Amino acid sequence: MIAAIVLDIEGTTSPARSVREDLYGYTRKRLAQWLSENRDGAASSVIAATRELAGQPDADTAEIAEILRGWLDSDVKAEPLKIAQGLICAEGFRSGALHGEFFDDVPPALSAWHDAGIALCVYSSGSVRNQQDWFAHARGGSLASLISGWFDLTTAGPKRDAASYRKIAEAIGRPAEQILLLSDLADELDAAAAAGWSVLGVTRPGEPNAPRSPHRWISSFAEVDVLSSLR
């Protein structure tokens, strides 16, 4: 029986377009100014980490902005980029410029699973702050209270590494075989399965990632049977 469900966001709970056009677009427009205004404060760690990762120890804020925009455009899952995006987009969520977008089947499924006593967690390459804002400012009403755990690259590790899923299982205190991952990326399903988790692939019309064996794939959260063995 499934005791915990861990959710990917982009392409799984939410349209990839809404993440890439809304969050990425908002970040791209404000990145240079945010770095300049916060270089001695919130942006200092982002600047230092970007210099190190890019191998450019003397890069100024304009050059850092260009590096981060390049990573954003290439969808590079770089930690300093995700931290910057979380801090920049927080303002957008609070002002009402940004909202979390979810597929129609997601909110009722999350509510039903939560009411059934299943622990719900999120694991995304986006920062924990971005995740929490995405759920708290969902267009149809906040979903954040349904989630009991939040994991990103800094707290769990790379999403295609089995060790990351073992770390999450330890954090949430559930046996691996009682945890279900829902994701649209086959490589993530492979990693979670290697860690002993149950997995289901999520494939939705118009989303970019294709199903791949040997995993079972669904097109709606309504198809998830949490009472059966899914591995």
C-alpha atoms as a PDB file:
ATOM      1  CA  MET A   1       0.000   0.000   0.000  1.00  0.00           C
ATOM      2  CA  ILE A   2       1.203   3.498  -0.824  1.00  0.00           C
ATOM      3  CA  ALA A   3       1.852   5.690   2.234  1.00  0.00           C
ATOM      4  CA  ALA A   4       3.477   8.684   0.476  1.00  0.00           C
ATOM      5  CA  ILE A   5       3.322  10.214  -2.986  1.00  0.00           C
ATOM      6  CA  VAL A   6       6.126  12.415  -4.318  1.00  0.00           C
ATOM      7  CA  LEU A   7       5.188  14.770  -7.145  1.00  0.00           C
ATOM      8  CA  ASP A   8       7.168  16.319  -9.957  1.00  0.00           C
ATOM      9  CA  ILE A   9       5.738  19.657 -11.137  1.00  0.00           C
ATOM     10  CA  GLU A  10       6.614  20.533 -14.742  1.00  0.00           C
ATOM     11  CA  GLY A  11       4.710  18.252 -17.123  1.00  0.00           C
ATOM     12  CA  THR A  12       3.241  16.255 -14.213  1.00  0.00           C
ATOM     13  CA  THR A  13       1.055  18.478 -12.023  1.00  0.00           C
ATOM     14  CA  SER A  14       1.371  21.502 -14.270  1.00  0.00           C
ATOM     15  CA  PRO A  15       1.810  22.363 -17.952  1.00  0.00           C
ATOM     16  CA  ALA A  16       5.460  22.797 -18.915  1.00  0.00           C
ATOM     17  CA  ARG A  17       4.435  25.908 -20.853  1.00  0.00           C
ATOM     18  CA  SER A  18       3.175  27.624 -17.718  1.00  0.00           C
ATOM     19  CA  VAL A  19       6.488  27.047 -15.950  1.00  0.00           C
ATOM     20  CA  ARG A  20       8.740  27.980 -18.831  1.00  0.00           C
ATOM     21  CA  GLU A  21       6.794  30.937 -20.164  1.00  0.00           C
ATOM     22  CA  ASP A  22       5.561  32.414 -16.878  1.00  0.00           C
ATOM     23  CA  LEU A  23       8.305  31.704 -14.332  1.00  0.00           C
ATOM     24  CA  TYR A  24      11.197  31.697 -16.760  1.00  0.00           C
ATOM     25  CA  GLY A  25       9.919  34.791 -18.561  1.00  0.00           C
ATOM     26  CA  TYR A  26       9.406  36.703 -15.316  1.00  0.00           C
ATOM     27  CA  THR A  27      12.894  35.747 -14.146  1.00  0.00           C
ATOM     28  CA  ARG A  28      14.554  36.631 -17.446  1.00  0.00           C
ATOM     29  CA  LYS A  29      13.120  40.154 -17.492  1.00  0.00           C
ATOM     30  CA  ARG A  30      14.162  40.982 -13.919  1.00  0.00           C
ATOM     31  CA  LEU A  31      17.407  39.066 -13.530  1.00  0.00           C
ATOM     32  CA  ALA A  32      19.953  41.797 -14.343  1.00  0.00           C
ATOM     33  CA  GLN A  33      18.293  44.421 -12.163  1.00  0.00           C
ATOM     34  CA  TRP A  34      17.848  42.010  -9.256  1.00  0.00           C
ATOM     35  CA  LEU A  35      21.524  41.011  -9.346  1.00  0.00           C
ATOM     36  CA  SER A  36      22.634  44.625  -9.439  1.00  0.00           C
ATOM     37  CA  GLU A  37      20.353  45.772  -6.621  1.00  0.00           C
ATOM     38  CA  ASN A  38      21.074  42.778  -4.347  1.00  0.00           C
ATOM     39  CA  ARG A  39      24.726  41.988  -5.104  1.00  0.00           C
ATOM     40  CA  ASP A  40      25.742  42.670  -1.497  1.00  0.00           C
ATOM     41  CA  GLY A  41      22.735  40.868  -0.069  1.00  0.00           C
ATOM     42  CA  ALA A  42      20.461  38.097  -1.329  1.00  0.00           C
ATOM     43  CA  ALA A  43      22.267  37.824  -4.677  1.00  0.00           C
ATOM     44  CA  SER A  44      25.783  37.493  -3.243  1.00  0.00           C
ATOM     45  CA  SER A  45      25.692  33.700  -2.924  1.00  0.00           C
ATOM     46  CA  VAL A  46      24.143  33.383  -6.400  1.00  0.00           C
ATOM     47  CA  ILE A  47      26.922  35.486  -7.889  1.00  0.00           C
ATOM     48  CA  ALA A  48      29.657  33.502  -6.124  1.00  0.00           C
ATOM     49  CA  ALA A  49      28.198  30.127  -7.119  1.00  0.00           C
ATOM     50  CA  THR A  50      27.676  31.201 -10.737  1.00  0.00           C
ATOM     51  CA  ARG A  51      31.273  32.422 -11.016  1.00  0.00           C
ATOM     52  CA  GLU A  52      32.482  29.071  -9.710  1.00  0.00           C
ATOM     53  CA  LEU A  53      30.265  26.921 -11.927  1.00  0.00           C
ATOM     54  CA  ALA A  54      30.999  28.985 -15.036  1.00  0.00           C
ATOM     55  CA  GLY A  55      34.715  29.164 -14.327  1.00  0.00           C
ATOM     56  CA  GLN A  56      34.626  32.979 -14.481  1.00  0.00           C
ATOM     57  CA  PRO A  57      35.850  34.223 -11.067  1.00  0.00           C
ATOM     58  CA  ASP A  58      35.924  37.872 -12.144  1.00  0.00           C
ATOM     59  CA  ALA A  59      32.511  38.068 -13.832  1.00  0.00           C
ATOM     60  CA  ASP A  60      30.561  41.226 -12.963  1.00  0.00           C
ATOM     61  CA  THR A  61      26.802  41.315 -12.390  1.00  0.00           C
ATOM     62  CA  ALA A  62      26.042  41.989 -16.070  1.00  0.00           C
ATOM     63  CA  GLU A  63      28.106  38.957 -17.077  1.00  0.00           C
ATOM     64  CA  ILE A  64      26.513  36.855 -14.335  1.00  0.00           C
ATOM     65  CA  ALA A  65      23.075  37.837 -15.659  1.00  0.00           C
ATOM     66  CA  GLU A  66      24.101  36.735 -19.148  1.00  0.00           C
ATOM     67  CA  ILE A  67      25.363  33.386 -17.848  1.00  0.00           C
ATOM     68  CA  LEU A  68      22.169  32.769 -15.889  1.00  0.00           C
ATOM     69  CA  ARG A  69      19.981  33.735 -18.853  1.00  0.00           C
ATOM     70  CA  GLY A  70      21.912  31.257 -20.977  1.00  0.00           C
ATOM     71  CA  TRP A  71      21.283  28.522 -18.439  1.00  0.00           C
ATOM     72  CA  LEU A  72      17.636  29.520 -18.246  1.00  0.00           C
ATOM     73  CA  ASP A  73      17.212  29.370 -22.030  1.00  0.00           C
ATOM     74  CA  SER A  74      18.930  25.962 -22.142  1.00  0.00           C
ATOM     75  CA  ASP A  75      16.946  24.654 -19.137  1.00  0.00           C
ATOM     76  CA  VAL A  76      20.125  23.920 -17.206  1.00  0.00           C
ATOM     77  CA  LYS A  77      19.245  22.749 -13.684  1.00  0.00           C
ATOM     78  CA  ALA A  78      21.917  24.881 -12.008  1.00  0.00           C
ATOM     79  CA  GLU A  79      21.524  25.543  -8.287  1.00  0.00           C
ATOM     80  CA  PRO A  80      22.352  29.302  -8.335  1.00  0.00           C
ATOM     81  CA  LEU A  81      19.855  29.839 -11.148  1.00  0.00           C
ATOM     82  CA  LYS A  82      17.100  28.059  -9.238  1.00  0.00           C
ATOM     83  CA  ILE A  83      17.836  30.076  -6.091  1.00  0.00           C
ATOM     84  CA  ALA A  84      17.709  33.348  -8.029  1.00  0.00           C
ATOM     85  CA  GLN A  85      14.509  32.318  -9.772  1.00  0.00           C
ATOM     86  CA  GLY A  86      12.843  31.491  -6.465  1.00  0.00           C
ATOM     87  CA  LEU A  87      13.721  34.850  -4.932  1.00  0.00           C
ATOM     88  CA  ILE A  88      12.775  36.875  -8.010  1.00  0.00           C
ATOM     89  CA  CYS A  89       9.484  35.087  -8.633  1.00  0.00           C
ATOM     90  CA  ALA A  90       8.426  35.355  -4.982  1.00  0.00           C
ATOM     91  CA  GLU A  91       7.659  39.013  -5.657  1.00  0.00           C
ATOM     92  CA  GLY A  92       5.586  38.083  -8.695  1.00  0.00           C
ATOM     93  CA  PHE A  93       3.494  35.584  -6.781  1.00  0.00           C
ATOM     94  CA  ARG A  94       2.811  38.020  -3.979  1.00  0.00           C
ATOM     95  CA  SER A  95       1.877  40.828  -6.347  1.00  0.00           C
ATOM     96  CA  GLY A  96      -0.527  38.608  -8.308  1.00  0.00           C
ATOM     97  CA  ALA A  97       1.563  38.713 -11.484  1.00  0.00           C
ATOM     98  CA  LEU A  98       2.243  34.982 -11.213  1.00  0.00           C
ATOM     99  CA  HIS A  99      -0.008  32.028 -10.368  1.00  0.00           C
ATOM    100  CA  GLY A 100       0.505  28.299 -10.059  1.00  0.00           C
ATOM    101  CA  GLU A 101      -1.187  26.510 -12.956  1.00  0.00           C
ATOM    102  CA  PHE A 102      -2.382  22.909 -12.513  1.00  0.00           C
ATOM    103  CA  PHE A 103      -4.034  20.314 -14.726  1.00  0.00           C
ATOM    104  CA  ASP A 104      -7.727  19.970 -13.835  1.00  0.00           C
ATOM    105  CA  ASP A 105      -7.372  16.446 -12.435  1.00  0.00           C
ATOM    106  CA  VAL A 106      -4.641  17.427  -9.961  1.00  0.00           C
ATOM    107  CA  PRO A 107      -6.404  19.430  -7.179  1.00  0.00           C
ATOM    108  CA  PRO A 108      -9.189  16.882  -6.547  1.00  0.00           C
ATOM    109  CA  ALA A 109      -6.705  13.993  -6.557  1.00  0.00           C
ATOM    110  CA  LEU A 110      -4.386  15.750  -4.106  1.00  0.00           C
ATOM    111  CA  SER A 111      -7.316  16.503  -1.790  1.00  0.00           C
ATOM    112  CA  ALA A 112      -8.546  12.906  -1.912  1.00  0.00           C
ATOM    113  CA  TRP A 113      -5.094  11.456  -1.245  1.00  0.00           C
ATOM    114  CA  HIS A 114      -4.515  13.899   1.610  1.00  0.00           C
ATOM    115  CA  ASP A 115      -7.890  13.038   3.148  1.00  0.00           C
ATOM    116  CA  ALA A 116      -6.985   9.347   2.897  1.00  0.00           C
ATOM    117  CA  GLY A 117      -3.940   9.953   5.078  1.00  0.00           C
ATOM    118  CA  ILE A 118      -1.321   9.718   2.339  1.00  0.00           C
ATOM    119  CA  ALA A 119       1.683  12.015   2.812  1.00  0.00           C
ATOM    120  CA  LEU A 120       2.190  14.291  -0.198  1.00  0.00           C
ATOM    121  CA  CYS A 121       5.573  15.750  -1.104  1.00  0.00           C
ATOM    122  CA  VAL A 122       7.013  17.747  -3.984  1.00  0.00           C
ATOM    123  CA  TYR A 123      10.414  17.107  -5.600  1.00  0.00           C
ATOM    124  CA  SER A 124      11.333  19.587  -8.297  1.00  0.00           C
ATOM    125  CA  SER A 125      14.449  21.178  -9.751  1.00  0.00           C
ATOM    126  CA  GLY A 126      12.821  24.509  -8.929  1.00  0.00           C
ATOM    127  CA  SER A 127      13.742  25.850  -5.498  1.00  0.00           C
ATOM    128  CA  VAL A 128      11.647  24.951  -2.472  1.00  0.00           C
ATOM    129  CA  ARG A 129      10.579  28.589  -2.319  1.00  0.00           C
ATOM    130  CA  ASN A 130       9.316  28.453  -5.921  1.00  0.00           C
ATOM    131  CA  GLN A 131       7.495  25.193  -5.206  1.00  0.00           C
ATOM    132  CA  GLN A 132       5.764  26.589  -2.145  1.00  0.00           C
ATOM    133  CA  ASP A 133       4.730  29.752  -3.980  1.00  0.00           C
ATOM    134  CA  TRP A 134       3.471  27.719  -6.955  1.00  0.00           C
ATOM    135  CA  PHE A 135       1.148  25.680  -4.708  1.00  0.00           C
ATOM    136  CA  ALA A 136       0.212  28.515  -2.331  1.00  0.00           C
ATOM    137  CA  HIS A 137      -0.770  30.820  -5.192  1.00  0.00           C
ATOM    138  CA  ALA A 138      -2.522  28.228  -7.355  1.00  0.00           C
ATOM    139  CA  ARG A 139      -5.026  29.915  -9.638  1.00  0.00           C
ATOM    140  CA  GLY A 140      -7.977  27.894  -8.289  1.00  0.00           C
ATOM    141  CA  GLY A 141      -7.005  28.326  -4.643  1.00  0.00           C
ATOM    142  CA  SER A 142      -4.081  27.365  -2.437  1.00  0.00           C
ATOM    143  CA  LEU A 143      -2.938  23.734  -2.450  1.00  0.00           C
ATOM    144  CA  ALA A 144       0.069  24.255  -0.180  1.00  0.00           C
ATOM    145  CA  SER A 145      -1.632  22.928   2.962  1.00  0.00           C
ATOM    146  CA  LEU A 146      -1.933  19.506   1.300  1.00  0.00           C
ATOM    147  CA  ILE A 147       1.854  19.158   0.971  1.00  0.00           C
ATOM    148  CA  SER A 148       3.927  17.965   3.915  1.00  0.00           C
ATOM    149  CA  GLY A 149       7.390  17.904   2.325  1.00  0.00           C
ATOM    150  CA  TRP A 150       9.339  19.965  -0.208  1.00  0.00           C
ATOM    151  CA  PHE A 151      12.563  18.815  -1.896  1.00  0.00           C
ATOM    152  CA  ASP A 152      14.839  20.435  -4.479  1.00  0.00           C
ATOM    153  CA  LEU A 153      18.373  20.061  -5.838  1.00  0.00           C
ATOM    154  CA  THR A 154      19.919  21.549  -2.698  1.00  0.00           C
ATOM    155  CA  THR A 155      18.006  19.420  -0.189  1.00  0.00           C
ATOM    156  CA  ALA A 156      17.806  16.091  -2.050  1.00  0.00           C
ATOM    157  CA  GLY A 157      20.248  16.159  -4.963  1.00  0.00           C
ATOM    158  CA  PRO A 158      19.951  15.520  -8.733  1.00  0.00           C
ATOM    159  CA  LYS A 159      16.629  14.115  -9.887  1.00  0.00           C
ATOM    160  CA  ARG A 160      18.235  11.397 -12.012  1.00  0.00           C
ATOM    161  CA  ASP A 161      20.324  10.000  -9.146  1.00  0.00           C
ATOM    162  CA  ALA A 162      18.963   7.069  -7.102  1.00  0.00           C
ATOM    163  CA  ALA A 163      20.747   8.420  -4.013  1.00  0.00           C
ATOM    164  CA  SER A 164      18.437  11.452  -4.067  1.00  0.00           C
ATOM    165  CA  TYR A 165      15.379   9.245  -3.708  1.00  0.00           C
ATOM    166  CA  ARG A 166      16.959   7.284  -0.866  1.00  0.00           C
ATOM    167  CA  LYS A 167      17.631  10.600   0.876  1.00  0.00           C
ATOM    168  CA  ILE A 168      14.004  11.706   0.447  1.00  0.00           C
ATOM    169  CA  ALA A 169      12.702   8.367   1.756  1.00  0.00           C
ATOM    170  CA  GLU A 170      14.815   8.795   4.873  1.00  0.00           C
ATOM    171  CA  ALA A 171      13.598  12.373   5.326  1.00  0.00           C
ATOM    172  CA  ILE A 172       9.910  11.509   5.107  1.00  0.00           C
ATOM    173  CA  GLY A 173      10.286   8.366   7.195  1.00  0.00           C
ATOM    174  CA  ARG A 174       8.579   5.888   4.892  1.00  0.00           C
ATOM    175  CA  PRO A 175       9.889   2.552   3.531  1.00  0.00           C
ATOM    176  CA  ALA A 176      10.928   2.854  -0.115  1.00  0.00           C
ATOM    177  CA  GLU A 177       8.319   0.359  -1.296  1.00  0.00           C
ATOM    178  CA  GLN A 178       5.544   2.512   0.225  1.00  0.00           C
ATOM    179  CA  ILE A 179       6.542   5.647  -1.708  1.00  0.00           C
ATOM    180  CA  LEU A 180       5.174   6.443  -5.174  1.00  0.00           C
ATOM    181  CA  LEU A 181       6.824   8.876  -7.595  1.00  0.00           C
ATOM    182  CA  LEU A 182       4.714  10.594 -10.254  1.00  0.00           C
ATOM    183  CA  SER A 183       6.846  12.142 -12.997  1.00  0.00           C
ATOM    184  CA  ASP A 184       6.810  12.772 -16.732  1.00  0.00           C
ATOM    185  CA  LEU A 185      10.538  11.998 -17.101  1.00  0.00           C
ATOM    186  CA  ALA A 186      11.535   8.364 -17.620  1.00  0.00           C
ATOM    187  CA  ASP A 187      15.061   8.962 -16.280  1.00  0.00           C
ATOM    188  CA  GLU A 188      13.594  10.120 -12.967  1.00  0.00           C
ATOM    189  CA  LEU A 189      11.363   7.055 -12.824  1.00  0.00           C
ATOM    190  CA  ASP A 190      14.436   4.883 -13.459  1.00  0.00           C
ATOM    191  CA  ALA A 191      16.311   6.512 -10.563  1.00  0.00           C
ATOM    192  CA  ALA A 192      13.405   6.223  -8.131  1.00  0.00           C
ATOM    193  CA  ALA A 193      12.783   2.590  -9.088  1.00  0.00           C
ATOM    194  CA  ALA A 194      16.476   1.859  -8.527  1.00  0.00           C
ATOM    195  CA  ALA A 195      16.009   3.229  -4.995  1.00  0.00           C
ATOM    196  CA  GLY A 196      13.149   0.778  -4.424  1.00  0.00           C
ATOM    197  CA  TRP A 197      10.240   3.185  -4.957  1.00  0.00           C
ATOM    198  CA  SER A 198       7.001   2.536  -6.792  1.00  0.00           C
ATOM    199  CA  VAL A 199       6.762   4.710  -9.900  1.00  0.00           C
ATOM    200  CA  LEU A 200       4.174   5.868 -12.426  1.00  0.00           C
ATOM    201  CA  GLY A 201       4.927   7.876 -15.533  1.00  0.00           C
ATOM    202  CA  VAL A 202       2.603  10.761 -16.356  1.00  0.00           C
ATOM    203  CA  THR A 203       2.096  11.555 -20.038  1.00  0.00           C
ATOM    204  CA  ARG A 204      -0.256  14.359 -20.989  1.00  0.00           C
ATOM    205  CA  PRO A 205      -1.354  15.670 -24.402  1.00  0.00           C
ATOM    206  CA  GLY A 206       0.902  18.433 -25.666  1.00  0.00           C
ATOM    207  CA  GLU A 207       3.666  17.859 -23.110  1.00  0.00           C
ATOM    208  CA  PRO A 208       7.216  17.374 -24.406  1.00  0.00           C
ATOM    209  CA  ASN A 209       8.392  14.153 -22.724  1.00  0.00           C
ATOM    210  CA  ALA A 210       7.518  10.778 -24.207  1.00  0.00           C
ATOM    211  CA  PRO A 211       6.710   7.534 -22.345  1.00  0.00           C
ATOM    212  CA  ARG A 212       9.362   4.837 -22.162  1.00  0.00           C
ATOM    213  CA  SER A 213       9.282   1.237 -21.000  1.00  0.00           C
ATOM    214  CA  PRO A 214       9.373  -0.572 -18.655  1.00  0.00           C
ATOM    215  CA  HIS A 215       7.257   1.839 -16.628  1.00  0.00           C
ATOM    216  CA  ARG A 216       3.489   2.105 -16.556  1.00  0.00           C
ATOM    217  CA  TRP A 217       2.160   5.475 -17.808  1.00  0.00           C
ATOM    218  CA  ILE A 218      -1.049   7.342 -17.040  1.00  0.00           C
ATOM    219  CA  SER A 219      -2.609  10.487 -18.490  1.00  0.00           C
ATOM    220  CA  SER A 220      -4.553  11.618 -15.405  1.00  0.00           C
ATOM    221  CA  PHE A 221      -4.117  11.460 -11.651  1.00  0.00           C
ATOM    222  CA  ALA A 222      -7.605   9.909 -11.575  1.00  0.00           C
ATOM    223  CA  GLU A 223      -5.971   6.708 -12.851  1.00  0.00           C
ATOM    224  CA  VAL A 224      -3.775   6.334  -9.754  1.00  0.00           C
ATOM    225  CA  ASP A 225      -4.861   3.442  -7.504  1.00  0.00           C
ATOM    226  CA  VAL A 226      -3.026   4.068  -4.247  1.00  0.00           C
ATOM    227  CA  LEU A 227      -4.376   0.882  -2.658  1.00  0.00           C
ATOM    228  CA  SER A 228      -2.674  -1.469  -5.115  1.00  0.00           C
ATOM    229  CA  SER A 229       0.948  -2.445  -5.553  1.00  0.00           C
ATOM    230  CA  LEU A 230       2.333  -0.345  -8.399  1.00  0.00           C
ATOM    231  CA  ARG A 231       5.927  -1.456  -8.729  1.00  0.00           C
END
